[in-house]
Amino acid sequence: MHSISLGAGGPDISRLVYGVWRLADSADTSVAATLRKIHACLDQGITTFDHADIYGNYRCEQLFGNALKTAPELKSRLQIVTKCGIMLKSGVYPQRRVKHYDTSAAHIRASVDASLGHIGVDQIDLLLLHRPDPFMDHQETGRCLDDLVASGKVRAVGVSNFQPWDCELLQSAMQTPLATNQLEISLLAQSVFTDGQLAYLQRKAIAPMAWSPLAGGTLFGDGAAAQRVRPALQRLAAQFGVGLDAVAVAWLLAHPARIVPVVGTNDLGRVQALGDAFKVQLDRETWYELYTLAAGAEVP
């Protein structure tokens, strides 16, 4: 599997990324089960793993780290992405009165230190601010992110769910270039193709990451859009000898913006088949066929 560069100073990450957000939801959260998923990814060239401090009610990083403790030789083969900034109301933090965001320097530094400890690595390859913070002091946040890169605790920084103007504001207070923006992109979440999000990233030569590339599973549900697009997905899946999910991921991979899908599943068989997306080749008209079927209308 090919890798993709996130620019000067940024890491090379695998063209597909494994998202661990459901790791704590697995029926089996043992070290052995987690290692099987890690190895299934590595065996097909998926070397990048996407975390966030809040995933699994603050458990997923620790579960992943527990597995790496038993196989520390794997650390040199992985790239670790994690996010911070969302403050959940949770039994883990009973003092919080309301869900909110915190992009203060103190919180970002504390979150990075916690993530390094939980995962058991010396450096986070890519740190993302999880959501735009309406209360952000961009000067303070920007200096903090620059300092983390200078310290070596973080190799590169980026954002998630930011609008172009949010990116511009934060970048104006930073020396370190933002490496990516992780956005919701799928056949059923198409707004980024026309609202300026992808155009902005393409102009900046920034490769976007796509969370929920299968629309959280609703792409295979009973919704009207899913039912419209499913026959075409089934036809292409049969043509290339892959699953429907591989076709949906291939649709993202085909886009010239260099979209990096973040795919998460606890089913080991599905993990082992993630690389099947590269077996699918979509021409322009077929890409638009899926696009319009999911949208429910032809392009203007």
Protein backbone atom coordinates (compact mmCIF):
# COMPACT_ATOMS: atom_id res chain seq x y z
CA MET A 1 0.00 0.00 0.00
CA HIS A 2 1.25 3.45 -0.89
CA SER A 3 1.91 6.11 1.72
CA ILE A 4 1.12 9.80 1.45
CA SER A 5 3.22 12.71 2.62
CA LEU A 6 1.71 15.35 4.87
CA GLY A 7 4.25 17.91 3.76
CA ALA A 8 7.44 19.46 5.07
CA GLY A 9 8.14 18.19 8.55
CA GLY A 10 5.02 16.06 8.58
CA PRO A 11 4.95 12.28 8.64
CA ASP A 12 4.28 9.96 5.75
CA ILE A 13 1.08 8.10 6.61
CA SER A 14 -0.51 5.08 5.00
CA ARG A 15 -3.06 5.75 2.26
CA LEU A 16 -5.70 4.14 4.47
CA VAL A 17 -5.82 4.79 8.21
CA TYR A 18 -7.32 2.49 10.82
CA GLY A 19 -9.60 4.33 13.23
CA VAL A 20 -9.67 2.91 16.74
CA TRP A 21 -12.73 4.81 17.99
CA ARG A 22 -14.71 1.57 18.43
CA LEU A 23 -11.93 -0.40 20.11
CA ALA A 24 -13.53 -0.20 23.56
CA ASP A 25 -16.89 -1.31 22.12
CA SER A 26 -15.51 -4.65 21.02
CA ALA A 27 -16.83 -7.80 22.64
CA ASP A 28 -13.18 -8.72 23.17
CA THR A 29 -10.91 -5.90 24.33
CA SER A 30 -8.05 -8.19 25.32
CA VAL A 31 -4.46 -7.50 24.39
CA ALA A 32 -4.53 -10.50 22.05
CA ALA A 33 -7.60 -9.22 20.20
CA THR A 34 -6.12 -5.76 19.80
CA LEU A 35 -2.85 -7.18 18.52
CA ARG A 36 -4.72 -9.23 15.93
CA LYS A 37 -6.26 -6.04 14.55
CA ILE A 38 -2.93 -4.21 14.55
CA HIS A 39 -1.22 -7.08 12.71
CA ALA A 40 -4.10 -7.36 10.24
CA CYS A 41 -3.55 -3.72 9.37
CA LEU A 42 0.22 -3.94 9.14
CA ASP A 43 0.04 -7.06 6.96
CA GLN A 44 -1.67 -4.99 4.23
CA GLY A 45 0.39 -1.83 4.68
CA ILE A 46 -1.97 0.12 6.94
CA THR A 47 0.55 1.60 9.34
CA THR A 48 -1.32 4.66 10.65
CA PHE A 49 -3.74 4.47 13.59
CA ASP A 50 -6.19 7.24 14.39
CA HIS A 51 -6.98 7.92 18.07
CA ALA A 52 -8.55 10.64 20.20
CA ASP A 53 -8.27 11.13 23.93
CA ILE A 54 -12.07 10.77 24.30
CA TYR A 55 -12.55 7.58 22.28
CA GLY A 56 -14.19 4.79 24.21
CA ASN A 57 -14.92 7.18 27.08
CA TYR A 58 -11.19 7.78 27.45
CA ARG A 59 -10.29 4.06 27.17
CA CYS A 60 -9.13 3.38 23.61
CA GLU A 61 -5.65 4.88 23.84
CA GLN A 62 -4.96 2.79 26.95
CA LEU A 63 -6.26 -0.41 25.34
CA PHE A 64 -4.02 0.18 22.33
CA GLY A 65 -1.08 1.00 24.58
CA ASN A 66 -1.59 -2.18 26.60
CA ALA A 67 -1.18 -4.15 23.39
CA LEU A 68 1.97 -2.28 22.37
CA LYS A 69 3.51 -2.97 25.77
CA THR A 70 3.54 -6.67 24.92
CA ALA A 71 4.94 -6.06 21.43
CA PRO A 72 7.12 -2.94 21.65
CA GLU A 73 8.89 -3.85 18.42
CA LEU A 74 5.74 -2.74 16.58
CA LYS A 75 6.13 0.89 17.63
CA SER A 76 8.72 1.66 14.97
CA ARG A 77 6.31 0.46 12.28
CA LEU A 78 3.37 2.65 13.30
CA GLN A 79 2.31 6.25 12.95
CA ILE A 80 0.09 7.51 15.75
CA VAL A 81 -2.58 10.15 15.19
CA THR A 82 -4.52 11.47 18.14
CA LYS A 83 -6.84 14.37 18.89
CA CYS A 84 -7.67 16.58 21.84
CA GLY A 85 -9.92 19.47 22.78
CA ILE A 86 -13.33 17.88 23.46
CA MET A 87 -14.25 17.78 27.14
CA LEU A 88 -16.91 15.13 27.65
CA LYS A 89 -19.34 14.93 30.53
CA SER A 90 -18.27 11.57 31.86
CA GLY A 91 -17.94 9.54 34.99
CA VAL A 92 -14.21 9.74 34.34
CA TYR A 93 -14.46 13.51 34.96
CA PRO A 94 -17.47 13.93 37.29
CA GLN A 95 -16.60 17.56 38.02
CA ARG A 96 -17.55 18.71 34.50
CA ARG A 97 -20.95 20.42 34.36
CA VAL A 98 -21.27 20.66 30.59
CA LYS A 99 -19.66 19.22 27.47
CA HIS A 100 -17.33 21.85 26.09
CA TYR A 101 -14.10 22.47 24.18
CA ASP A 102 -10.71 23.40 25.61
CA THR A 103 -7.89 24.48 23.32
CA SER A 104 -5.94 26.23 26.05
CA ALA A 105 -2.21 25.58 26.17
CA ALA A 106 -2.50 23.95 29.58
CA HIS A 107 -5.09 21.45 28.41
CA ILE A 108 -3.37 20.64 25.12
CA ARG A 109 -0.05 19.99 26.89
CA ALA A 110 -1.74 17.82 29.54
CA SER A 111 -3.65 15.88 26.89
CA VAL A 112 -0.50 15.22 24.85
CA ASP A 113 1.36 13.97 27.92
CA ALA A 114 -1.56 11.70 28.81
CA SER A 115 -1.78 10.30 25.28
CA LEU A 116 1.96 9.61 25.16
CA GLY A 117 1.66 7.76 28.45
CA HIS A 118 -1.45 5.80 27.54
CA ILE A 119 -0.21 4.68 24.12
CA GLY A 120 3.35 4.22 25.36
CA VAL A 121 5.21 6.09 22.64
CA ASP A 122 7.77 8.90 22.77
CA GLN A 123 6.22 10.98 20.01
CA ILE A 124 2.79 11.56 18.52
CA ASP A 125 3.18 11.63 14.75
CA LEU A 126 0.14 13.84 14.18
CA LEU A 127 -1.86 15.79 16.78
CA LEU A 128 -5.23 17.20 15.74
CA LEU A 129 -7.51 19.71 17.44
CA HIS A 130 -10.73 17.72 17.47
CA ARG A 131 -13.27 20.51 16.94
CA PRO A 132 -13.23 24.28 16.37
CA ASP A 133 -13.36 26.03 19.75
CA PRO A 134 -15.52 29.20 19.79
CA PHE A 135 -13.56 30.31 22.87
CA MET A 136 -10.12 29.66 21.36
CA ASP A 137 -7.32 32.15 21.92
CA HIS A 138 -5.61 31.44 18.61
CA GLN A 139 -2.36 33.10 19.68
CA GLU A 140 -2.06 30.93 22.78
CA THR A 141 -3.14 27.77 20.97
CA GLY A 142 -0.82 28.42 18.02
CA ARG A 143 2.21 29.01 20.27
CA CYS A 144 1.43 25.83 22.19
CA LEU A 145 1.26 23.72 19.03
CA ASP A 146 4.52 25.21 17.75
CA ASP A 147 6.18 24.51 21.10
CA LEU A 148 5.00 20.89 21.10
CA VAL A 149 6.55 20.34 17.68
CA ALA A 150 9.78 22.04 18.78
CA SER A 151 9.88 19.85 21.89
CA GLY A 152 9.70 16.65 19.85
CA LYS A 153 6.62 15.36 21.66
CA VAL A 154 4.60 15.94 18.48
CA ARG A 155 5.91 15.62 14.95
CA ALA A 156 3.12 17.43 13.10
CA VAL A 157 -0.16 19.16 13.93
CA GLY A 158 -3.47 19.58 12.19
CA VAL A 159 -7.15 20.06 12.82
CA SER A 160 -10.44 18.22 12.54
CA ASN A 161 -13.84 19.56 11.52
CA PHE A 162 -12.44 23.07 10.97
CA GLN A 163 -13.82 25.45 8.37
CA PRO A 164 -11.29 27.22 6.11
CA TRP A 165 -11.59 30.43 8.15
CA ASP A 166 -10.88 28.46 11.35
CA CYS A 167 -7.75 27.07 9.73
CA GLU A 168 -6.65 30.51 8.59
CA LEU A 169 -7.13 32.02 12.04
CA LEU A 170 -5.08 29.33 13.78
CA GLN A 171 -2.41 29.23 11.07
CA SER A 172 -1.94 32.98 11.37
CA ALA A 173 -0.53 32.44 14.88
CA MET A 174 1.75 29.52 13.97
CA GLN A 175 5.10 28.83 12.37
CA THR A 176 4.34 25.14 11.90
CA PRO A 177 2.15 24.43 8.86
CA LEU A 178 -1.11 22.64 9.54
CA ALA A 179 -0.72 19.17 8.06
CA THR A 180 -4.33 18.10 7.52
CA ASN A 181 -7.98 18.69 8.28
CA GLN A 182 -9.98 15.60 9.19
CA LEU A 183 -13.52 16.01 7.88
CA GLU A 184 -16.65 13.93 7.53
CA ILE A 185 -16.62 12.76 3.91
CA SER A 186 -18.57 9.90 2.37
CA LEU A 187 -21.11 9.15 -0.33
CA LEU A 188 -23.73 10.32 2.16
CA ALA A 189 -21.74 13.34 3.42
CA GLN A 190 -20.95 15.20 0.22
CA SER A 191 -21.06 18.85 1.26
CA VAL A 192 -17.26 19.26 1.32
CA PHE A 193 -17.11 18.75 -2.44
CA THR A 194 -19.06 21.95 -3.12
CA ASP A 195 -18.89 24.16 -0.01
CA GLY A 196 -15.25 25.18 -0.42
CA GLN A 197 -13.72 22.79 2.09
CA LEU A 198 -11.88 20.57 -0.37
CA ALA A 199 -11.13 23.48 -2.68
CA TYR A 200 -9.37 25.26 0.18
CA LEU A 201 -7.31 22.21 1.09
CA GLN A 202 -6.40 21.52 -2.52
CA ARG A 203 -5.26 25.12 -2.96
CA LYS A 204 -3.06 24.72 0.12
CA ALA A 205 -1.80 21.29 -1.06
CA ILE A 206 -3.12 19.77 2.19
CA ALA A 207 -4.35 16.18 2.05
CA PRO A 208 -7.64 15.81 3.96
CA MET A 209 -8.47 12.85 6.15
CA ALA A 210 -12.03 11.48 5.96
CA TRP A 211 -13.78 10.31 9.10
CA SER A 212 -16.85 8.07 8.84
CA PRO A 213 -16.14 7.21 5.18
CA LEU A 214 -18.94 4.62 5.30
CA ALA A 215 -21.36 7.11 6.86
CA GLY A 216 -21.26 5.30 10.18
CA GLY A 217 -22.72 2.20 8.52
CA THR A 218 -25.87 4.00 7.34
CA LEU A 219 -24.60 3.61 3.77
CA PHE A 220 -25.69 -0.03 4.10
CA GLY A 221 -28.94 0.70 5.96
CA ASP A 222 -32.53 1.29 4.88
CA GLY A 223 -32.35 5.04 4.22
CA ALA A 224 -33.47 6.38 0.88
CA ALA A 225 -30.00 7.49 -0.23
CA ALA A 226 -28.45 4.16 0.74
CA GLN A 227 -31.11 2.27 -1.19
CA ARG A 228 -30.59 4.44 -4.27
CA VAL A 229 -26.85 3.87 -4.42
CA ARG A 230 -26.71 0.24 -3.27
CA PRO A 231 -27.44 -1.44 -6.65
CA ALA A 232 -24.51 0.42 -8.22
CA LEU A 233 -22.26 -0.49 -5.30
CA GLN A 234 -23.32 -4.13 -5.64
CA ARG A 235 -22.60 -4.12 -9.37
CA LEU A 236 -19.12 -2.69 -8.86
CA ALA A 237 -18.40 -4.97 -5.93
CA ALA A 238 -19.21 -7.98 -8.10
CA GLN A 239 -17.13 -6.60 -10.97
CA PHE A 240 -14.01 -6.21 -8.81
CA GLY A 241 -14.59 -9.11 -6.43
CA VAL A 242 -14.75 -6.99 -3.26
CA GLY A 243 -17.26 -5.91 -0.63
CA LEU A 244 -19.57 -2.91 -0.87
CA ASP A 245 -17.47 -1.06 1.69
CA ALA A 246 -14.37 -1.37 -0.51
CA VAL A 247 -16.20 0.35 -3.38
CA ALA A 248 -17.35 3.17 -1.10
CA VAL A 249 -13.80 3.73 0.17
CA ALA A 250 -12.40 3.52 -3.36
CA TRP A 251 -14.79 6.32 -4.35
CA LEU A 252 -12.96 8.58 -1.87
CA LEU A 253 -9.51 7.37 -2.89
CA ALA A 254 -10.26 8.25 -6.52
CA HIS A 255 -10.69 11.95 -5.80
CA PRO A 256 -7.76 14.22 -6.80
CA ALA A 257 -7.77 15.94 -3.38
CA ARG A 258 -5.81 12.90 -2.06
CA ILE A 259 -8.44 12.06 0.54
CA VAL A 260 -7.17 9.67 3.24
CA PRO A 261 -10.07 7.54 4.54
CA VAL A 262 -10.08 6.64 8.24
CA VAL A 263 -11.85 3.29 8.46
CA GLY A 264 -12.81 1.66 11.74
CA THR A 265 -14.30 -1.75 12.43
CA ASN A 266 -13.97 -4.36 15.17
CA ASP A 267 -14.70 -7.25 12.80
CA LEU A 268 -11.35 -8.90 12.11
CA GLY A 269 -12.45 -10.16 8.73
CA ARG A 270 -13.41 -6.67 7.65
CA VAL A 271 -10.11 -5.30 8.99
CA GLN A 272 -8.26 -7.87 6.88
CA ALA A 273 -10.20 -6.75 3.80
CA LEU A 274 -9.67 -2.99 4.14
CA GLY A 275 -7.00 -3.01 1.45
CA ASP A 276 -9.50 -4.38 -1.08
CA ALA A 277 -10.41 -0.76 -1.83
CA PHE A 278 -7.27 -0.57 -3.97
CA LYS A 279 -8.61 -3.30 -6.25
CA VAL A 280 -11.37 -0.96 -7.40
CA GLN A 281 -10.72 1.47 -10.25
CA LEU A 282 -13.38 4.09 -10.90
CA ASP A 283 -13.44 6.30 -13.98
CA ARG A 284 -14.91 9.81 -13.91
CA GLU A 285 -18.38 8.82 -15.11
CA THR A 286 -18.68 5.99 -12.61
CA TRP A 287 -17.55 8.34 -9.83
CA TYR A 288 -20.33 10.72 -10.82
CA GLU A 289 -22.82 7.87 -11.09
CA LEU A 290 -22.29 7.06 -7.41
CA TYR A 291 -22.23 10.74 -6.49
CA THR A 292 -25.57 11.49 -8.12
CA LEU A 293 -27.29 8.33 -6.93
CA ALA A 294 -26.35 9.12 -3.33
CA ALA A 295 -27.36 12.78 -3.74
CA GLY A 296 -30.66 11.87 -5.31
CA ALA A 297 -30.29 14.33 -8.18
CA GLU A 298 -28.10 14.79 -11.22
CA VAL A 299 -25.57 17.60 -11.20
CA PRO A 300 -26.88 20.98 -12.47
